[in-house]
Amino acid sequence: MSLSCPMRTIRKLLLLATIALSIASLTSGCVYRINIQQGNHIDPDAVEQLQEGMTKAQVQFLLGTPMIQDPFHTDRWDYVFYYKRGRDRNVTKERLIVFFDDEIVREVIRDAPFDS
């Protein structure tokens, strides 16, 4: 018993539609997510060179422009780094705070980098 020509065509179309739908449903979860980087990457070697008694110009030469320069607290510079990987959404955060007295480094506080 053979199938008629229109019946074969319908079966082929149904099979192709099923395959196309399966492929579409399997690949729809593969959304590209970009990496997000904000702030200044805090170079550990540069932080090691940072010491009390340095001027603001020397700090800026070592670490770059601070992420936050509060006009109301000119004696404090904040260096913040945030990196979020798009694929696995792993987040890395780092923070370094430099305190000044009369344009001279008084104290440096560095939060340990952590992933979440």
N, C-alpha and C. Protein backbone atom coordinates (compact mmCIF):
# COMPACT_ATOMS: atom_id res chain seq x y z
N MET A 1 0.84 -1.17 0.00
CA MET A 1 0.00 0.00 0.00
C MET A 1 0.89 1.23 0.00
N SER A 2 0.85 1.98 -1.04
CA SER A 2 1.70 3.16 -1.16
C SER A 2 0.91 4.42 -0.84
N LEU A 3 1.65 5.38 -0.30
CA LEU A 3 1.01 6.65 0.03
C LEU A 3 0.93 7.50 -1.23
N SER A 4 -0.08 8.28 -1.31
CA SER A 4 -0.22 9.15 -2.47
C SER A 4 0.79 10.29 -2.38
N CYS A 5 1.04 10.93 -3.48
CA CYS A 5 2.04 12.00 -3.57
C CYS A 5 1.74 13.16 -2.62
N PRO A 6 0.50 13.65 -2.53
CA PRO A 6 0.22 14.75 -1.59
C PRO A 6 0.46 14.33 -0.13
N MET A 7 0.22 13.08 0.18
CA MET A 7 0.41 12.60 1.55
C MET A 7 1.90 12.59 1.90
N ARG A 8 2.76 12.19 0.96
CA ARG A 8 4.20 12.20 1.19
C ARG A 8 4.70 13.64 1.39
N THR A 9 4.20 14.53 0.59
CA THR A 9 4.59 15.93 0.70
C THR A 9 4.21 16.49 2.07
N ILE A 10 3.03 16.16 2.53
CA ILE A 10 2.58 16.63 3.85
C ILE A 10 3.46 16.05 4.94
N ARG A 11 3.81 14.77 4.82
CA ARG A 11 4.68 14.14 5.83
C ARG A 11 6.06 14.79 5.85
N LYS A 12 6.60 15.08 4.66
CA LYS A 12 7.91 15.73 4.59
C LYS A 12 7.85 17.12 5.20
N LEU A 13 6.81 17.86 4.88
CA LEU A 13 6.67 19.21 5.43
C LEU A 13 6.51 19.17 6.95
N LEU A 14 5.74 18.20 7.43
CA LEU A 14 5.55 18.04 8.87
C LEU A 14 6.86 17.68 9.56
N LEU A 15 7.64 16.80 8.94
CA LEU A 15 8.94 16.42 9.49
C LEU A 15 9.89 17.62 9.50
N LEU A 16 9.95 18.37 8.41
CA LEU A 16 10.81 19.56 8.35
C LEU A 16 10.38 20.61 9.37
N ALA A 17 9.08 20.80 9.54
CA ALA A 17 8.58 21.76 10.52
C ALA A 17 8.95 21.33 11.94
N THR A 18 8.86 20.04 12.21
CA THR A 18 9.23 19.52 13.54
C THR A 18 10.71 19.72 13.81
N ILE A 19 11.54 19.43 12.82
CA ILE A 19 12.99 19.62 12.97
C ILE A 19 13.31 21.10 13.18
N ALA A 20 12.71 21.97 12.37
CA ALA A 20 12.97 23.41 12.49
C ALA A 20 12.53 23.93 13.86
N LEU A 21 11.38 23.48 14.33
CA LEU A 21 10.88 23.89 15.64
C LEU A 21 11.79 23.39 16.76
N SER A 22 12.28 22.17 16.62
CA SER A 22 13.20 21.62 17.63
C SER A 22 14.50 22.41 17.69
N ILE A 23 15.07 22.72 16.55
CA ILE A 23 16.31 23.50 16.50
C ILE A 23 16.08 24.89 17.08
N ALA A 24 14.98 25.51 16.72
CA ALA A 24 14.68 26.86 17.23
C ALA A 24 14.51 26.86 18.74
N SER A 25 13.85 25.85 19.27
CA SER A 25 13.64 25.81 20.73
C SER A 25 14.93 25.51 21.48
N LEU A 26 15.82 24.73 20.89
CA LEU A 26 17.09 24.41 21.55
C LEU A 26 18.06 25.59 21.55
N THR A 27 18.04 26.39 20.50
CA THR A 27 18.99 27.50 20.40
C THR A 27 18.44 28.81 20.95
N SER A 28 17.19 28.86 21.32
CA SER A 28 16.63 30.12 21.82
C SER A 28 17.17 30.50 23.19
N GLY A 29 17.70 29.57 23.95
CA GLY A 29 18.27 29.87 25.26
C GLY A 29 19.70 30.37 25.19
N CYS A 30 20.27 30.43 24.01
CA CYS A 30 21.67 30.84 23.85
C CYS A 30 21.74 32.34 23.54
N VAL A 31 21.40 33.16 24.51
CA VAL A 31 21.43 34.60 24.33
C VAL A 31 22.83 35.10 24.64
N TYR A 32 23.36 35.94 23.79
CA TYR A 32 24.69 36.50 24.02
C TYR A 32 24.59 37.62 25.06
N ARG A 33 25.42 37.54 26.07
CA ARG A 33 25.47 38.58 27.10
C ARG A 33 26.89 39.15 27.10
N ILE A 34 26.97 40.48 27.01
CA ILE A 34 28.27 41.12 26.94
C ILE A 34 28.91 41.21 28.33
N ASN A 35 30.22 41.33 28.34
CA ASN A 35 30.95 41.58 29.58
C ASN A 35 30.81 43.05 29.92
N ILE A 36 30.60 43.35 31.20
CA ILE A 36 30.44 44.73 31.64
C ILE A 36 31.61 45.09 32.55
N GLN A 37 32.35 46.10 32.15
CA GLN A 37 33.48 46.57 32.95
C GLN A 37 33.26 48.04 33.26
N GLN A 38 33.33 48.39 34.54
CA GLN A 38 33.18 49.78 34.95
C GLN A 38 34.28 50.14 35.92
N GLY A 39 34.78 51.34 35.79
CA GLY A 39 35.77 51.83 36.74
C GLY A 39 37.20 51.57 36.31
N ASN A 40 38.09 51.76 37.27
CA ASN A 40 39.52 51.61 37.05
C ASN A 40 39.96 50.23 37.50
N HIS A 41 40.63 49.50 36.61
CA HIS A 41 41.23 48.24 37.03
C HIS A 41 42.36 48.58 37.99
N ILE A 42 42.34 47.99 39.16
CA ILE A 42 43.33 48.30 40.19
C ILE A 42 44.50 47.33 40.05
N ASP A 43 45.60 47.84 39.55
CA ASP A 43 46.80 47.03 39.32
C ASP A 43 47.50 46.77 40.65
N PRO A 44 47.64 45.50 41.05
CA PRO A 44 48.28 45.19 42.34
C PRO A 44 49.71 45.71 42.45
N ASP A 45 50.45 45.72 41.35
CA ASP A 45 51.83 46.23 41.38
C ASP A 45 51.86 47.73 41.67
N ALA A 46 50.90 48.46 41.10
CA ALA A 46 50.83 49.90 41.35
C ALA A 46 50.44 50.18 42.79
N VAL A 47 49.56 49.36 43.35
CA VAL A 47 49.15 49.54 44.74
C VAL A 47 50.33 49.27 45.67
N GLU A 48 51.17 48.30 45.32
CA GLU A 48 52.36 48.01 46.13
C GLU A 48 53.31 49.21 46.18
N GLN A 49 53.37 49.98 45.10
CA GLN A 49 54.24 51.14 45.04
C GLN A 49 53.67 52.35 45.78
N LEU A 50 52.37 52.31 46.03
CA LEU A 50 51.69 53.42 46.71
C LEU A 50 52.11 53.45 48.18
N GLN A 51 52.47 54.64 48.66
CA GLN A 51 52.89 54.75 50.06
C GLN A 51 52.53 56.11 50.62
N GLU A 52 52.46 56.16 51.94
CA GLU A 52 52.16 57.42 52.61
C GLU A 52 53.25 58.43 52.31
N GLY A 53 52.83 59.70 52.17
CA GLY A 53 53.78 60.76 51.87
C GLY A 53 53.84 61.13 50.40
N MET A 54 53.19 60.35 49.52
CA MET A 54 53.18 60.67 48.09
C MET A 54 52.20 61.82 47.84
N THR A 55 52.43 62.55 46.75
CA THR A 55 51.54 63.65 46.38
C THR A 55 50.37 63.11 45.55
N LYS A 56 49.36 63.96 45.36
CA LYS A 56 48.21 63.57 44.53
C LYS A 56 48.65 63.28 43.10
N ALA A 57 49.60 64.07 42.61
CA ALA A 57 50.09 63.87 41.24
C ALA A 57 50.77 62.51 41.09
N GLN A 58 51.52 62.11 42.10
CA GLN A 58 52.19 60.81 42.05
C GLN A 58 51.17 59.67 42.10
N VAL A 59 50.14 59.83 42.92
CA VAL A 59 49.09 58.81 43.01
C VAL A 59 48.36 58.70 41.68
N GLN A 60 48.05 59.84 41.08
CA GLN A 60 47.35 59.82 39.80
C GLN A 60 48.23 59.22 38.70
N PHE A 61 49.53 59.43 38.76
CA PHE A 61 50.44 58.83 37.80
C PHE A 61 50.44 57.30 37.93
N LEU A 62 50.42 56.82 39.18
CA LEU A 62 50.44 55.37 39.42
C LEU A 62 49.12 54.69 39.09
N LEU A 63 48.02 55.26 39.57
CA LEU A 63 46.72 54.59 39.51
C LEU A 63 45.77 55.14 38.46
N GLY A 64 46.08 56.30 37.90
CA GLY A 64 45.17 56.92 36.95
C GLY A 64 44.18 57.83 37.67
N THR A 65 43.28 58.38 36.91
CA THR A 65 42.27 59.27 37.47
C THR A 65 41.31 58.48 38.33
N PRO A 66 41.00 58.98 39.52
CA PRO A 66 40.09 58.23 40.40
C PRO A 66 38.67 58.18 39.83
N MET A 67 37.98 57.11 40.14
CA MET A 67 36.60 56.94 39.68
C MET A 67 35.70 57.99 40.32
N ILE A 68 35.93 58.26 41.58
CA ILE A 68 35.09 59.22 42.30
C ILE A 68 35.99 60.27 42.94
N GLN A 69 35.77 61.53 42.56
CA GLN A 69 36.42 62.67 43.20
C GLN A 69 35.29 63.55 43.72
N ASP A 70 34.94 63.37 44.96
CA ASP A 70 33.84 64.11 45.55
C ASP A 70 34.26 65.55 45.81
N PRO A 71 33.54 66.53 45.25
CA PRO A 71 33.92 67.93 45.48
C PRO A 71 33.77 68.36 46.94
N PHE A 72 32.98 67.63 47.70
CA PHE A 72 32.78 67.96 49.11
C PHE A 72 33.80 67.28 50.02
N HIS A 73 34.50 66.28 49.50
CA HIS A 73 35.55 65.59 50.25
C HIS A 73 36.79 65.49 49.37
N THR A 74 37.46 66.61 49.20
CA THR A 74 38.61 66.66 48.30
C THR A 74 39.81 65.90 48.85
N ASP A 75 39.73 65.49 50.11
CA ASP A 75 40.83 64.75 50.72
C ASP A 75 40.67 63.24 50.56
N ARG A 76 39.77 62.82 49.68
CA ARG A 76 39.51 61.38 49.51
C ARG A 76 39.32 61.07 48.02
N TRP A 77 40.05 60.06 47.55
CA TRP A 77 39.87 59.56 46.19
C TRP A 77 39.45 58.11 46.26
N ASP A 78 38.44 57.76 45.48
CA ASP A 78 37.94 56.38 45.44
C ASP A 78 38.22 55.78 44.06
N TYR A 79 38.86 54.64 44.08
CA TYR A 79 39.08 53.86 42.86
C TYR A 79 38.21 52.62 42.98
N VAL A 80 37.28 52.48 42.05
CA VAL A 80 36.32 51.38 42.09
C VAL A 80 36.41 50.61 40.78
N PHE A 81 36.37 49.29 40.88
CA PHE A 81 36.39 48.44 39.69
C PHE A 81 35.29 47.40 39.82
N TYR A 82 34.51 47.26 38.74
CA TYR A 82 33.41 46.30 38.69
C TYR A 82 33.48 45.59 37.35
N TYR A 83 33.47 44.26 37.39
CA TYR A 83 33.52 43.48 36.15
C TYR A 83 32.52 42.33 36.26
N LYS A 84 31.61 42.30 35.31
CA LYS A 84 30.60 41.24 35.28
C LYS A 84 30.73 40.48 33.97
N ARG A 85 31.07 39.20 34.08
CA ARG A 85 31.19 38.35 32.89
C ARG A 85 29.79 38.03 32.40
N GLY A 86 29.59 38.20 31.12
CA GLY A 86 28.27 38.02 30.56
C GLY A 86 27.79 36.58 30.55
N ARG A 87 28.68 35.65 30.25
CA ARG A 87 28.26 34.26 30.07
C ARG A 87 27.82 33.62 31.38
N ASP A 88 28.66 33.70 32.40
CA ASP A 88 28.31 33.03 33.66
C ASP A 88 27.87 34.02 34.73
N ARG A 89 27.86 35.30 34.38
CA ARG A 89 27.42 36.37 35.28
C ARG A 89 28.23 36.44 36.58
N ASN A 90 29.48 36.02 36.51
CA ASN A 90 30.38 36.12 37.65
C ASN A 90 30.79 37.59 37.81
N VAL A 91 30.69 38.12 39.03
CA VAL A 91 30.97 39.53 39.28
C VAL A 91 32.24 39.66 40.13
N THR A 92 33.14 40.54 39.70
CA THR A 92 34.35 40.86 40.46
C THR A 92 34.28 42.33 40.85
N LYS A 93 34.51 42.61 42.13
CA LYS A 93 34.49 43.99 42.61
C LYS A 93 35.77 44.27 43.39
N GLU A 94 36.31 45.46 43.19
CA GLU A 94 37.49 45.90 43.93
C GLU A 94 37.30 47.37 44.29
N ARG A 95 37.85 47.76 45.43
CA ARG A 95 37.76 49.16 45.84
C ARG A 95 39.04 49.57 46.57
N LEU A 96 39.52 50.75 46.23
CA LEU A 96 40.70 51.32 46.87
C LEU A 96 40.37 52.77 47.22
N ILE A 97 40.61 53.15 48.46
CA ILE A 97 40.34 54.51 48.92
C ILE A 97 41.65 55.12 49.39
N VAL A 98 41.94 56.31 48.88
CA VAL A 98 43.16 57.03 49.26
C VAL A 98 42.74 58.31 49.97
N PHE A 99 43.24 58.50 51.19
CA PHE A 99 42.96 59.71 51.97
C PHE A 99 44.19 60.61 51.95
N PHE A 100 43.95 61.91 51.85
CA PHE A 100 45.03 62.89 51.78
C PHE A 100 44.93 63.89 52.93
N ASP A 101 46.07 64.42 53.34
CA ASP A 101 46.17 65.59 54.22
C ASP A 101 47.07 66.58 53.50
N ASP A 102 46.51 67.73 53.14
CA ASP A 102 47.28 68.76 52.43
C ASP A 102 47.98 68.20 51.19
N GLU A 103 47.21 67.51 50.35
CA GLU A 103 47.70 66.98 49.07
C GLU A 103 48.72 65.84 49.22
N ILE A 104 48.88 65.30 50.43
CA ILE A 104 49.84 64.22 50.69
C ILE A 104 49.07 63.00 51.19
N VAL A 105 49.43 61.80 50.71
CA VAL A 105 48.74 60.57 51.11
C VAL A 105 48.90 60.35 52.61
N ARG A 106 47.76 60.21 53.28
CA ARG A 106 47.75 59.93 54.72
C ARG A 106 47.46 58.46 54.99
N GLU A 107 46.52 57.88 54.22
CA GLU A 107 46.09 56.50 54.47
C GLU A 107 45.57 55.89 53.18
N VAL A 108 45.79 54.59 53.03
CA VAL A 108 45.28 53.84 51.88
C VAL A 108 44.51 52.64 52.41
N ILE A 109 43.26 52.52 51.97
CA ILE A 109 42.42 51.39 52.37
C ILE A 109 42.06 50.61 51.12
N ARG A 110 42.35 49.32 51.14
CA ARG A 110 42.01 48.49 49.99
C ARG A 110 41.16 47.32 50.44
N ASP A 111 39.97 47.24 49.86
CA ASP A 111 39.13 46.08 50.10
C ASP A 111 39.70 44.92 49.30
N ALA A 112 39.69 43.76 49.88
CA ALA A 112 40.15 42.58 49.15
C ALA A 112 39.20 42.33 47.99
N PRO A 113 39.73 42.06 46.79
CA PRO A 113 38.85 41.77 45.67
C PRO A 113 38.01 40.53 45.96
N PHE A 114 36.76 40.58 45.58
CA PHE A 114 35.92 39.42 45.81
C PHE A 114 35.03 39.16 44.61
N ASP A 115 34.71 37.91 44.43
CA ASP A 115 33.82 37.47 43.36
C ASP A 115 32.49 37.07 43.98
N SER A 116 31.45 37.34 43.24
CA SER A 116 30.13 36.90 43.71
C SER A 116 29.37 36.23 42.60
